[in-house]
PDB file of N, CA and C in Angstrom:
ATOM      1  N   PRO A   1      16.579  10.316   5.038  1.00  0.00           N
ATOM      2  CA  PRO A   1      16.330  10.790   3.686  1.00  0.00           C
ATOM      3  C   PRO A   1      15.445   9.847   2.875  1.00  0.00           C
ATOM      4  N   ASN A   2      15.312   8.599   3.305  1.00  0.00           N
ATOM      5  CA  ASN A   2      14.483   7.654   2.558  1.00  0.00           C
ATOM      6  C   ASN A   2      13.172   7.331   3.260  1.00  0.00           C
ATOM      7  N   ALA A   3      12.741   8.219   4.163  1.00  0.00           N
ATOM      8  CA  ALA A   3      11.460   8.013   4.818  1.00  0.00           C
ATOM      9  C   ALA A   3      10.350   8.039   3.775  1.00  0.00           C
ATOM     10  N   PHE A   4       9.329   7.249   3.988  1.00  0.00           N
ATOM     11  CA  PHE A   4       8.173   7.178   3.089  1.00  0.00           C
ATOM     12  C   PHE A   4       8.564   6.715   1.680  1.00  0.00           C
ATOM     13  N   THR A   5       9.616   5.920   1.574  1.00  0.00           N
ATOM     14  CA  THR A   5      10.122   5.471   0.285  1.00  0.00           C
ATOM     15  C   THR A   5      10.172   3.952   0.240  1.00  0.00           C
ATOM     16  N   ILE A   6       9.758   3.399  -0.903  1.00  0.00           N
ATOM     17  CA  ILE A   6       9.905   1.971  -1.169  1.00  0.00           C
ATOM     18  C   ILE A   6      11.083   1.835  -2.122  1.00  0.00           C
ATOM     19  N   ALA A   7      12.006   0.954  -1.800  1.00  0.00           N
ATOM     20  CA  ALA A   7      13.139   0.687  -2.689  1.00  0.00           C
ATOM     21  C   ALA A   7      13.138  -0.797  -3.033  1.00  0.00           C
ATOM     22  N   ALA A   8      13.059  -1.112  -4.320  1.00  0.00           N
ATOM     23  CA  ALA A   8      13.169  -2.491  -4.785  1.00  0.00           C
ATOM     24  C   ALA A   8      14.643  -2.756  -5.063  1.00  0.00           C
ATOM     25  N   VAL A   9      15.186  -3.787  -4.418  1.00  0.00           N
ATOM     26  CA  VAL A   9      16.614  -4.069  -4.493  1.00  0.00           C
ATOM     27  C   VAL A   9      16.823  -5.443  -5.123  1.00  0.00           C
ATOM     28  N   GLY A  10      17.748  -5.506  -6.060  1.00  0.00           N
ATOM     29  CA  GLY A  10      18.070  -6.765  -6.726  1.00  0.00           C
ATOM     30  C   GLY A  10      18.934  -7.654  -5.851  1.00  0.00           C
ATOM     31  N   THR A  11      19.166  -8.869  -6.295  1.00  0.00           N
ATOM     32  CA  THR A  11      19.970  -9.824  -5.527  1.00  0.00           C
ATOM     33  C   THR A  11      21.418  -9.370  -5.380  1.00  0.00           C
ATOM     34  N   ASP A  12      21.871  -8.468  -6.257  1.00  0.00           N
ATOM     35  CA  ASP A  12      23.239  -7.945  -6.160  1.00  0.00           C
ATOM     36  C   ASP A  12      23.340  -6.722  -5.248  1.00  0.00           C
ATOM     37  N   GLY A  13      22.208  -6.319  -4.655  1.00  0.00           N
ATOM     38  CA  GLY A  13      22.204  -5.170  -3.749  1.00  0.00           C
ATOM     39  C   GLY A  13      21.951  -3.841  -4.422  1.00  0.00           C
ATOM     40  N   GLU A  14      21.844  -3.838  -5.732  1.00  0.00           N
ATOM     41  CA  GLU A  14      21.587  -2.600  -6.468  1.00  0.00           C
ATOM     42  C   GLU A  14      20.097  -2.244  -6.401  1.00  0.00           C
ATOM     43  N   VAL A  15      19.805  -0.951  -6.244  1.00  0.00           N
ATOM     44  CA  VAL A  15      18.419  -0.489  -6.243  1.00  0.00           C
ATOM     45  C   VAL A  15      17.887  -0.530  -7.674  1.00  0.00           C
ATOM     46  N   LEU A  16      16.791  -1.266  -7.869  1.00  0.00           N
ATOM     47  CA  LEU A  16      16.179  -1.402  -9.190  1.00  0.00           C
ATOM     48  C   LEU A  16      15.243  -0.239  -9.485  1.00  0.00           C
ATOM     49  N   TRP A  17      14.463   0.163  -8.485  1.00  0.00           N
ATOM     50  CA  TRP A  17      13.570   1.308  -8.606  1.00  0.00           C
ATOM     51  C   TRP A  17      13.153   1.764  -7.211  1.00  0.00           C
ATOM     52  N   ARG A  18      12.688   3.014  -7.141  1.00  0.00           N
ATOM     53  CA  ARG A  18      12.206   3.592  -5.888  1.00  0.00           C
ATOM     54  C   ARG A  18      10.851   4.246  -6.115  1.00  0.00           C
ATOM     55  N   TYR A  19      10.079   4.268  -5.038  1.00  0.00           N
ATOM     56  CA  TYR A  19       8.799   4.981  -5.064  1.00  0.00           C
ATOM     57  C   TYR A  19       8.688   5.794  -3.780  1.00  0.00           C
ATOM     58  N   ARG A  20       8.456   7.075  -3.917  1.00  0.00           N
ATOM     59  CA  ARG A  20       8.266   7.949  -2.757  1.00  0.00           C
ATOM     60  C   ARG A  20       6.853   8.500  -2.827  1.00  0.00           C
ATOM     61  N   GLY A  21       6.002   8.015  -1.928  1.00  0.00           N
ATOM     62  CA  GLY A  21       4.593   8.390  -1.984  1.00  0.00           C
ATOM     63  C   GLY A  21       4.088   9.158  -0.789  1.00  0.00           C
ATOM     64  N   GLY A  22       4.946   9.482   0.164  1.00  0.00           N
ATOM     65  CA  GLY A  22       4.499  10.224   1.329  1.00  0.00           C
ATOM     66  C   GLY A  22       3.635   9.422   2.287  1.00  0.00           C
ATOM     67  N   GLN A  23       3.764   8.117   2.254  1.00  0.00           N
ATOM     68  CA  GLN A  23       2.973   7.252   3.129  1.00  0.00           C
ATOM     69  C   GLN A  23       3.880   6.328   3.924  1.00  0.00           C
ATOM     70  N   HIS A  24       3.311   5.755   4.979  1.00  0.00           N
ATOM     71  CA  HIS A  24       3.966   4.674   5.723  1.00  0.00           C
ATOM     72  C   HIS A  24       3.526   3.387   5.044  1.00  0.00           C
ATOM     73  N   TYR A  25       4.431   2.450   4.877  1.00  0.00           N
ATOM     74  CA  TYR A  25       4.090   1.185   4.230  1.00  0.00           C
ATOM     75  C   TYR A  25       4.269   0.063   5.246  1.00  0.00           C
ATOM     76  N   GLN A  26       3.311  -0.862   5.250  1.00  0.00           N
ATOM     77  CA  GLN A  26       3.312  -1.948   6.220  1.00  0.00           C
ATOM     78  C   GLN A  26       3.295  -3.281   5.493  1.00  0.00           C
ATOM     79  N   ASN A  27       4.404  -3.956   5.528  1.00  0.00           N
ATOM     80  CA  ASN A  27       4.542  -5.286   4.914  1.00  0.00           C
ATOM     81  C   ASN A  27       4.380  -5.211   3.398  1.00  0.00           C
ATOM     82  N   PHE A  28       4.859  -6.242   2.746  1.00  0.00           N
ATOM     83  CA  PHE A  28       4.765  -6.335   1.292  1.00  0.00           C
ATOM     84  C   PHE A  28       4.386  -7.754   0.916  1.00  0.00           C
ATOM     85  N   TRP A  29       3.572  -7.867  -0.129  1.00  0.00           N
ATOM     86  CA  TRP A  29       3.143  -9.155  -0.640  1.00  0.00           C
ATOM     87  C   TRP A  29       3.364  -9.157  -2.134  1.00  0.00           C
ATOM     88  N   THR A  30       3.711 -10.313  -2.685  1.00  0.00           N
ATOM     89  CA  THR A  30       3.943 -10.420  -4.126  1.00  0.00           C
ATOM     90  C   THR A  30       3.161 -11.597  -4.694  1.00  0.00           C
ATOM     91  N   SER A  31       2.838 -11.477  -5.973  1.00  0.00           N
ATOM     92  CA  SER A  31       2.261 -12.614  -6.683  1.00  0.00           C
ATOM     93  C   SER A  31       3.363 -13.668  -6.833  1.00  0.00           C
ATOM     94  N   ALA A  32       2.983 -14.878  -7.174  1.00  0.00           N
ATOM     95  CA  ALA A  32       3.956 -15.980  -7.260  1.00  0.00           C
ATOM     96  C   ALA A  32       5.073 -15.694  -8.262  1.00  0.00           C
ATOM     97  N   ASP A  33       4.754 -15.003  -9.356  1.00  0.00           N
ATOM     98  CA  ASP A  33       5.777 -14.714 -10.361  1.00  0.00           C
ATOM     99  C   ASP A  33       6.536 -13.411 -10.084  1.00  0.00           C
ATOM    100  N   GLY A  34       6.170 -12.703  -9.013  1.00  0.00           N
ATOM    101  CA  GLY A  34       6.861 -11.470  -8.642  1.00  0.00           C
ATOM    102  C   GLY A  34       6.438 -10.236  -9.420  1.00  0.00           C
ATOM    103  N   ARG A  35       5.496 -10.388 -10.322  1.00  0.00           N
ATOM    104  CA  ARG A  35       5.068  -9.237 -11.122  1.00  0.00           C
ATOM    105  C   ARG A  35       4.341  -8.201 -10.282  1.00  0.00           C
ATOM    106  N   TRP A  36       3.408  -8.640  -9.464  1.00  0.00           N
ATOM    107  CA  TRP A  36       2.573  -7.733  -8.681  1.00  0.00           C
ATOM    108  C   TRP A  36       3.093  -7.643  -7.256  1.00  0.00           C
ATOM    109  N   VAL A  37       3.275  -6.424  -6.782  1.00  0.00           N
ATOM    110  CA  VAL A  37       3.723  -6.162  -5.411  1.00  0.00           C
ATOM    111  C   VAL A  37       2.742  -5.189  -4.796  1.00  0.00           C
ATOM    112  N   PHE A  38       2.261  -5.495  -3.593  1.00  0.00           N
ATOM    113  CA  PHE A  38       1.406  -4.519  -2.937  1.00  0.00           C
ATOM    114  C   PHE A  38       1.737  -4.411  -1.464  1.00  0.00           C
ATOM    115  N   SER A  39       1.308  -3.296  -0.911  1.00  0.00           N
ATOM    116  CA  SER A  39       1.558  -2.994   0.489  1.00  0.00           C
ATOM    117  C   SER A  39       0.354  -2.259   1.058  1.00  0.00           C
ATOM    118  N   CYS A  40       0.205  -2.318   2.370  1.00  0.00           N
ATOM    119  CA  CYS A  40      -0.755  -1.453   3.052  1.00  0.00           C
ATOM    120  C   CYS A  40      -0.086  -0.088   3.174  1.00  0.00           C
ATOM    121  N   ALA A  41      -0.811   0.966   2.819  1.00  0.00           N
ATOM    122  CA  ALA A  41      -0.252   2.318   2.815  1.00  0.00           C
ATOM    123  C   ALA A  41      -1.091   3.226   3.702  1.00  0.00           C
ATOM    124  N   GLN A  42      -0.409   4.113   4.393  1.00  0.00           N
ATOM    125  CA  GLN A  42      -1.113   5.016   5.293  1.00  0.00           C
ATOM    126  C   GLN A  42      -0.331   6.318   5.424  1.00  0.00           C
ATOM    127  N   ALA A  43      -1.044   7.442   5.413  1.00  0.00           N
ATOM    128  CA  ALA A  43      -0.388   8.744   5.555  1.00  0.00           C
ATOM    129  C   ALA A  43      -1.207   9.630   6.479  1.00  0.00           C
ATOM    130  N   ASP A  44      -0.531  10.458   7.239  1.00  0.00           N
ATOM    131  CA  ASP A  44      -1.205  11.447   8.076  1.00  0.00           C
ATOM    132  C   ASP A  44      -1.162  12.781   7.359  1.00  0.00           C
ATOM    133  N   ASP A  45      -2.331  13.313   7.045  1.00  0.00           N
ATOM    134  CA  ASP A  45      -2.417  14.575   6.338  1.00  0.00           C
ATOM    135  C   ASP A  45      -3.539  15.393   6.966  1.00  0.00           C
ATOM    136  N   PRO A  46      -3.215  16.531   7.596  1.00  0.00           N
ATOM    137  CA  PRO A  46      -4.247  17.325   8.267  1.00  0.00           C
ATOM    138  C   PRO A  46      -5.369  17.782   7.342  1.00  0.00           C
ATOM    139  N   GLN A  47      -5.090  17.949   6.065  1.00  0.00           N
ATOM    140  CA  GLN A  47      -6.106  18.422   5.125  1.00  0.00           C
ATOM    141  C   GLN A  47      -7.071  17.318   4.693  1.00  0.00           C
ATOM    142  N   SER A  48      -6.572  16.137   4.468  1.00  0.00           N
ATOM    143  CA  SER A  48      -7.433  15.078   3.930  1.00  0.00           C
ATOM    144  C   SER A  48      -7.694  13.949   4.908  1.00  0.00           C
ATOM    145  N   GLY A  49      -7.307  14.102   6.146  1.00  0.00           N
ATOM    146  CA  GLY A  49      -7.504  13.037   7.114  1.00  0.00           C
ATOM    147  C   GLY A  49      -6.353  12.069   7.077  1.00  0.00           C
ATOM    148  N   ARG A  50      -6.662  10.798   7.050  1.00  0.00           N
ATOM    149  CA  ARG A  50      -5.638   9.762   7.050  1.00  0.00           C
ATOM    150  C   ARG A  50      -5.871   8.840   5.866  1.00  0.00           C
ATOM    151  N   PRO A  51      -5.407   9.235   4.657  1.00  0.00           N
ATOM    152  CA  PRO A  51      -5.642   8.371   3.494  1.00  0.00           C
ATOM    153  C   PRO A  51      -4.890   7.051   3.620  1.00  0.00           C
ATOM    154  N   SER A  52      -5.637   5.989   3.632  1.00  0.00           N
ATOM    155  CA  SER A  52      -5.078   4.654   3.784  1.00  0.00           C
ATOM    156  C   SER A  52      -5.614   3.760   2.696  1.00  0.00           C
ATOM    157  N   GLY A  53      -4.956   2.636   2.507  1.00  0.00           N
ATOM    158  CA  GLY A  53      -5.447   1.664   1.553  1.00  0.00           C
ATOM    159  C   GLY A  53      -4.369   0.710   1.115  1.00  0.00           C
ATOM    160  N   ALA A  54      -4.577   0.133  -0.057  1.00  0.00           N
ATOM    161  CA  ALA A  54      -3.619  -0.792  -0.652  1.00  0.00           C
ATOM    162  C   ALA A  54      -2.974  -0.109  -1.845  1.00  0.00           C
ATOM    163  N   ILE A  55      -1.663  -0.241  -1.952  1.00  0.00           N
ATOM    164  CA  ILE A  55      -0.935   0.331  -3.077  1.00  0.00           C
ATOM    165  C   ILE A  55      -0.339  -0.839  -3.853  1.00  0.00           C
ATOM    166  N   LEU A  56      -0.580  -0.846  -5.173  1.00  0.00           N
ATOM    167  CA  LEU A  56      -0.217  -1.976  -6.018  1.00  0.00           C
ATOM    168  C   LEU A  56       0.746  -1.532  -7.111  1.00  0.00           C
ATOM    169  N   PHE A  57       1.801  -2.305  -7.308  1.00  0.00           N
ATOM    170  CA  PHE A  57       2.806  -2.017  -8.334  1.00  0.00           C
ATOM    171  C   PHE A  57       2.881  -3.165  -9.321  1.00  0.00           C
ATOM    172  N   ASP A  58       3.096  -2.814 -10.587  1.00  0.00           N
ATOM    173  CA  ASP A  58       3.348  -3.788 -11.650  1.00  0.00           C
ATOM    174  C   ASP A  58       4.842  -3.696 -11.959  1.00  0.00           C
ATOM    175  N   THR A  59       5.622  -4.663 -11.489  1.00  0.00           N
ATOM    176  CA  THR A  59       7.078  -4.591 -11.619  1.00  0.00           C
ATOM    177  C   THR A  59       7.556  -4.770 -13.057  1.00  0.00           C
ATOM    178  N   ARG A  60       6.678  -5.186 -13.959  1.00  0.00           N
ATOM    179  CA  ARG A  60       7.072  -5.362 -15.364  1.00  0.00           C
ATOM    180  C   ARG A  60       6.970  -4.070 -16.173  1.00  0.00           C
ATOM    181  N   ARG A  61       6.334  -3.060 -15.622  1.00  0.00           N
ATOM    182  CA  ARG A  61       6.261  -1.785 -16.336  1.00  0.00           C
ATOM    183  C   ARG A  61       7.645  -1.157 -16.389  1.00  0.00           C
ATOM    184  N   PRO A  62       7.980  -0.539 -17.513  1.00  0.00           N
ATOM    185  CA  PRO A  62       9.290   0.132 -17.590  1.00  0.00           C
ATOM    186  C   PRO A  62       9.280   1.411 -16.756  1.00  0.00           C
ATOM    187  N   GLY A  63      10.462   1.837 -16.357  1.00  0.00           N
ATOM    188  CA  GLY A  63      10.593   3.099 -15.637  1.00  0.00           C
ATOM    189  C   GLY A  63      10.743   2.896 -14.144  1.00  0.00           C
ATOM    190  N   GLY A  64      10.649   4.004 -13.432  1.00  0.00           N
ATOM    191  CA  GLY A  64      10.822   4.010 -11.984  1.00  0.00           C
ATOM    192  C   GLY A  64       9.544   3.656 -11.251  1.00  0.00           C
ATOM    193  N   GLY A  65       9.564   3.900  -9.945  1.00  0.00           N
ATOM    194  CA  GLY A  65       8.455   3.519  -9.083  1.00  0.00           C
ATOM    195  C   GLY A  65       7.126   4.154  -9.445  1.00  0.00           C
ATOM    196  N   SER A  66       7.134   5.439  -9.806  1.00  0.00           N
ATOM    197  CA  SER A  66       5.880   6.103 -10.181  1.00  0.00           C
ATOM    198  C   SER A  66       5.278   5.477 -11.431  1.00  0.00           C
ATOM    199  N   ALA A  67       6.115   5.063 -12.362  1.00  0.00           N
ATOM    200  CA  ALA A  67       5.627   4.406 -13.571  1.00  0.00           C
ATOM    201  C   ALA A  67       5.098   3.007 -13.261  1.00  0.00           C
ATOM    202  N   LYS A  68       5.644   2.367 -12.232  1.00  0.00           N
ATOM    203  CA  LYS A  68       5.233   1.019 -11.870  1.00  0.00           C
ATOM    204  C   LYS A  68       3.964   1.013 -11.004  1.00  0.00           C
ATOM    205  N   LEU A  69       3.611   2.165 -10.429  1.00  0.00           N
ATOM    206  CA  LEU A  69       2.391   2.256  -9.624  1.00  0.00           C
ATOM    207  C   LEU A  69       1.188   1.947 -10.510  1.00  0.00           C
ATOM    208  N   ALA A  70       0.455   0.893 -10.166  1.00  0.00           N
ATOM    209  CA  ALA A  70      -0.675   0.464 -10.981  1.00  0.00           C
ATOM    210  C   ALA A  70      -2.008   0.907 -10.402  1.00  0.00           C
ATOM    211  N   TYR A  71      -2.107   0.966  -9.064  1.00  0.00           N
ATOM    212  CA  TYR A  71      -3.423   1.206  -8.472  1.00  0.00           C
ATOM    213  C   TYR A  71      -3.282   1.559  -6.997  1.00  0.00           C
ATOM    214  N   PHE A  72      -4.157   2.444  -6.531  1.00  0.00           N
ATOM    215  CA  PHE A  72      -4.298   2.707  -5.100  1.00  0.00           C
ATOM    216  C   PHE A  72      -5.756   2.494  -4.748  1.00  0.00           C
ATOM    217  N   TYR A  73      -6.009   1.609  -3.811  1.00  0.00           N
ATOM    218  CA  TYR A  73      -7.364   1.320  -3.355  1.00  0.00           C
ATOM    219  C   TYR A  73      -7.556   1.998  -2.005  1.00  0.00           C
ATOM    220  N   PRO A  74      -8.347   3.094  -1.947  1.00  0.00           N
ATOM    221  CA  PRO A  74      -8.504   3.827  -0.692  1.00  0.00           C
ATOM    222  C   PRO A  74      -9.551   3.193   0.220  1.00  0.00           C
ATOM    223  N   ILE A  75      -9.333   3.339   1.520  1.00  0.00           N
ATOM    224  CA  ILE A  75     -10.315   2.934   2.523  1.00  0.00           C
ATOM    225  C   ILE A  75     -10.495   4.096   3.491  1.00  0.00           C
ATOM    226  N   GLU A  76     -11.606   4.110   4.214  1.00  0.00           N
ATOM    227  CA  GLU A  76     -11.883   5.207   5.139  1.00  0.00           C
ATOM    228  C   GLU A  76     -11.107   5.077   6.444  1.00  0.00           C
ATOM    229  N   GLY A  77     -10.968   3.871   6.941  1.00  0.00           N
ATOM    230  CA  GLY A  77     -10.265   3.655   8.202  1.00  0.00           C
ATOM    231  C   GLY A  77      -8.772   3.524   7.984  1.00  0.00           C
ATOM    232  N   MET A  78      -8.134   2.773   8.864  1.00  0.00           N
ATOM    233  CA  MET A  78      -6.695   2.528   8.754  1.00  0.00           C
ATOM    234  C   MET A  78      -6.456   1.173   8.101  1.00  0.00           C
ATOM    235  N   ALA A  79      -5.382   1.093   7.333  1.00  0.00           N
ATOM    236  CA  ALA A  79      -4.989  -0.178   6.721  1.00  0.00           C
ATOM    237  C   ALA A  79      -4.187  -0.965   7.743  1.00  0.00           C
ATOM    238  N   PHE A  80      -4.755  -2.059   8.200  1.00  0.00           N
ATOM    239  CA  PHE A  80      -4.070  -2.918   9.148  1.00  0.00           C
ATOM    240  C   PHE A  80      -3.028  -3.718   8.383  1.00  0.00           C
ATOM    241  N   PHE A  81      -2.000  -4.193   9.048  1.00  0.00           N
ATOM    242  CA  PHE A  81      -0.890  -4.839   8.344  1.00  0.00           C
ATOM    243  C   PHE A  81      -1.185  -6.263   7.901  1.00  0.00           C
ATOM    244  N   GLN A  82      -2.387  -6.749   8.135  1.00  0.00           N
ATOM    245  CA  GLN A  82      -2.747  -8.087   7.671  1.00  0.00           C
ATOM    246  C   GLN A  82      -3.381  -7.992   6.292  1.00  0.00           C
ATOM    247  N   ALA A  83      -2.820  -8.656   5.315  1.00  0.00           N
ATOM    248  CA  ALA A  83      -3.323  -8.629   3.956  1.00  0.00           C
ATOM    249  C   ALA A  83      -2.750  -9.829   3.209  1.00  0.00           C
ATOM    250  N   ASP A  84      -3.159  -9.991   1.961  1.00  0.00           N
ATOM    251  CA  ASP A  84      -2.585 -11.064   1.143  1.00  0.00           C
ATOM    252  C   ASP A  84      -2.926 -10.814  -0.320  1.00  0.00           C
ATOM    253  N   ILE A  85      -2.213 -11.500  -1.197  1.00  0.00           N
ATOM    254  CA  ILE A  85      -2.437 -11.431  -2.633  1.00  0.00           C
ATOM    255  C   ILE A  85      -2.515 -12.858  -3.155  1.00  0.00           C
ATOM    256  N   SER A  86      -3.384 -13.083  -4.144  1.00  0.00           N
ATOM    257  CA  SER A  86      -3.480 -14.417  -4.722  1.00  0.00           C
ATOM    258  C   SER A  86      -2.217 -14.723  -5.524  1.00  0.00           C
ATOM    259  N   ALA A  87      -1.964 -15.985  -5.743  1.00  0.00           N
ATOM    260  CA  ALA A  87      -0.741 -16.408  -6.439  1.00  0.00           C
ATOM    261  C   ALA A  87      -0.622 -15.779  -7.826  1.00  0.00           C
ATOM    262  N   ASP A  88      -1.766 -15.599  -8.518  1.00  0.00           N
ATOM    263  CA  ASP A  88      -1.720 -15.010  -9.860  1.00  0.00           C
ATOM    264  C   ASP A  88      -1.820 -13.479  -9.842  1.00  0.00           C
ATOM    265  N   GLY A  89      -1.975 -12.884  -8.668  1.00  0.00           N
ATOM    266  CA  GLY A  89      -2.038 -11.436  -8.548  1.00  0.00           C
ATOM    267  C   GLY A  89      -3.386 -10.831  -8.884  1.00  0.00           C
ATOM    268  N   ALA A  90      -4.395 -11.657  -9.134  1.00  0.00           N
ATOM    269  CA  ALA A  90      -5.705 -11.154  -9.545  1.00  0.00           C
ATOM    270  C   ALA A  90      -6.541 -10.625  -8.381  1.00  0.00           C
ATOM    271  N   LEU A  91      -6.272 -11.065  -7.169  1.00  0.00           N
ATOM    272  CA  LEU A  91      -7.049 -10.654  -5.997  1.00  0.00           C
ATOM    273  C   LEU A  91      -6.121 -10.216  -4.868  1.00  0.00           C
ATOM    274  N   ILE A  92      -6.538  -9.173  -4.167  1.00  0.00           N
ATOM    275  CA  ILE A  92      -5.854  -8.813  -2.924  1.00  0.00           C
ATOM    276  C   ILE A  92      -6.902  -8.705  -1.829  1.00  0.00           C
ATOM    277  N   ALA A  93      -6.493  -9.000  -0.625  1.00  0.00           N
ATOM    278  CA  ALA A  93      -7.354  -8.868   0.548  1.00  0.00           C
ATOM    279  C   ALA A  93      -6.668  -7.897   1.499  1.00  0.00           C
ATOM    280  N   LEU A  94      -7.449  -6.977   2.051  1.00  0.00           N
ATOM    281  CA  LEU A  94      -6.928  -5.910   2.903  1.00  0.00           C
ATOM    282  C   LEU A  94      -7.835  -5.761   4.113  1.00  0.00           C
ATOM    283  N   VAL A  95      -7.269  -5.659   5.302  1.00  0.00           N
ATOM    284  CA  VAL A  95      -8.040  -5.499   6.528  1.00  0.00           C
ATOM    285  C   VAL A  95      -8.093  -4.019   6.903  1.00  0.00           C
ATOM    286  N   GLU A  96      -9.296  -3.525   7.135  1.00  0.00           N
ATOM    287  CA  GLU A  96      -9.504  -2.142   7.574  1.00  0.00           C
ATOM    288  C   GLU A  96      -9.897  -2.135   9.050  1.00  0.00           C
ATOM    289  N   THR A  97      -9.353  -1.191   9.809  1.00  0.00           N
ATOM    290  CA  THR A  97      -9.732  -0.996  11.202  1.00  0.00           C
ATOM    291  C   THR A  97     -10.101   0.471  11.405  1.00  0.00           C
ATOM    292  N   PRO A  98     -11.025   0.750  12.318  1.00  0.00           N
ATOM    293  CA  PRO A  98     -11.393   2.148  12.561  1.00  0.00           C
ATOM    294  C   PRO A  98     -10.333   2.857  13.399  1.00  0.00           C
ATOM    295  N   TYR A  99     -10.383   4.181  13.378  1.00  0.00           N
ATOM    296  CA  TYR A  99      -9.517   4.993  14.238  1.00  0.00           C
ATOM    297  C   TYR A  99     -10.304   6.198  14.711  1.00  0.00           C
ATOM    298  N   LEU A 100      -9.846   6.779  15.799  1.00  0.00           N
ATOM    299  CA  LEU A 100     -10.498   7.949  16.376  1.00  0.00           C
ATOM    300  C   LEU A 100      -9.914   9.199  15.742  1.00  0.00           C
ATOM    301  N   ASP A 101     -10.743   9.942  15.008  1.00  0.00           N
ATOM    302  CA  ASP A 101     -10.307  11.183  14.370  1.00  0.00           C
ATOM    303  C   ASP A 101     -10.000  12.196  15.468  1.00  0.00           C
ATOM    304  N   SER A 102      -8.782  12.726  15.466  1.00  0.00           N
ATOM    305  CA  SER A 102      -8.355  13.622  16.548  1.00  0.00           C
ATOM    306  C   SER A 102      -9.098  14.956  16.543  1.00  0.00           C
ATOM    307  N   GLU A 103      -9.581  15.399  15.392  1.00  0.00           N
ATOM    308  CA  GLU A 103     -10.318  16.671  15.338  1.00  0.00           C
ATOM    309  C   GLU A 103     -11.776  16.524  15.717  1.00  0.00           C
ATOM    310  N   THR A 104     -12.448  15.542  15.135  1.00  0.00           N
ATOM    311  CA  THR A 104     -13.896  15.395  15.359  1.00  0.00           C
ATOM    312  C   THR A 104     -14.211  14.490  16.546  1.00  0.00           C
ATOM    313  N   ARG A 105     -13.215  13.741  17.013  1.00  0.00           N
ATOM    314  CA  ARG A 105     -13.397  12.775  18.106  1.00  0.00           C
ATOM    315  C   ARG A 105     -14.423  11.699  17.729  1.00  0.00           C
ATOM    316  N   ARG A 106     -14.557  11.415  16.445  1.00  0.00           N
ATOM    317  CA  ARG A 106     -15.451  10.371  15.959  1.00  0.00           C
ATOM    318  C   ARG A 106     -14.635   9.246  15.335  1.00  0.00           C
ATOM    319  N   LEU A 107     -15.200   8.053  15.385  1.00  0.00           N
ATOM    320  CA  LEU A 107     -14.555   6.917  14.731  1.00  0.00           C
ATOM    321  C   LEU A 107     -14.715   7.051  13.227  1.00  0.00           C
ATOM    322  N   ARG A 108     -13.629   6.795  12.506  1.00  0.00           N
ATOM    323  CA  ARG A 108     -13.666   6.767  11.044  1.00  0.00           C
ATOM    324  C   ARG A 108     -13.305   5.363  10.608  1.00  0.00           C
ATOM    325  N   GLY A 109     -14.042   4.856   9.634  1.00  0.00           N
ATOM    326  CA  GLY A 109     -13.813   3.507   9.145  1.00  0.00           C
ATOM    327  C   GLY A 109     -14.520   2.486   9.997  1.00  0.00           C
ATOM    328  N   ARG A 110     -14.269   1.228   9.700  1.00  0.00           N
ATOM    329  CA  ARG A 110     -14.878   0.136  10.471  1.00  0.00           C
ATOM    330  C   ARG A 110     -14.026  -1.119  10.332  1.00  0.00           C
ATOM    331  N   TYR A 111     -14.360  -2.110  11.118  1.00  0.00           N
ATOM    332  CA  TYR A 111     -13.670  -3.391  11.014  1.00  0.00           C
ATOM    333  C   TYR A 111     -14.256  -4.134   9.818  1.00  0.00           C
ATOM    334  N   GLN A 112     -13.441  -4.331   8.797  1.00  0.00           N
ATOM    335  CA  GLN A 112     -13.911  -5.088   7.645  1.00  0.00           C
ATOM    336  C   GLN A 112     -12.731  -5.563   6.800  1.00  0.00           C
ATOM    337  N   VAL A 113     -13.008  -6.545   5.982  1.00  0.00           N
ATOM    338  CA  VAL A 113     -12.015  -7.067   5.044  1.00  0.00           C
ATOM    339  C   VAL A 113     -12.469  -6.677   3.640  1.00  0.00           C
ATOM    340  N   HIS A 114     -11.559  -6.105   2.875  1.00  0.00           N
ATOM    341  CA  HIS A 114     -11.838  -5.723   1.489  1.00  0.00           C
ATOM    342  C   HIS A 114     -11.174  -6.767   0.583  1.00  0.00           C
ATOM    343  N   ILE A 115     -11.928  -7.265  -0.372  1.00  0.00           N
ATOM    344  CA  ILE A 115     -11.393  -8.144  -1.404  1.00  0.00           C
ATOM    345  C   ILE A 115     -11.436  -7.341  -2.702  1.00  0.00           C
ATOM    346  N   VAL A 116     -10.264  -7.097  -3.279  1.00  0.00           N
ATOM    347  CA  VAL A 116     -10.165  -6.239  -4.461  1.00  0.00           C
ATOM    348  C   VAL A 116      -9.725  -7.091  -5.643  1.00  0.00           C
ATOM    349  N   ARG A 117     -10.402  -6.931  -6.722  1.00  0.00           N
ATOM    350  CA  ARG A 117     -10.128  -7.698  -7.927  1.00  0.00           C
ATOM    351  C   ARG A 117      -9.575  -6.826  -9.014  1.00  0.00           C
TER     352      ARG A 117
END
């Protein structure tokens, strides 16, 4: 029931907020103060291909996970699980890898590193 869901849990085990975005999430990185949280996100959707990228949350925003969603940075290829965020949360780095599109049999995306500010 919690597939494709991010749950932020406090030290007491209580769920602080949830985000359900219909994507697979790979690893999580936080700024030094814990305000900014991001993950590599990927979803399989026959209509739009494979939308992948970095998903960024501002944990200081009031409300649930959708309210805390600050930004989605899309890429053409797949979001590889290697990434990082600067200590102040101002920069994120995301690795993109290509994949073979099952319908067109063509490579989508490329090997590259994205630096997002």
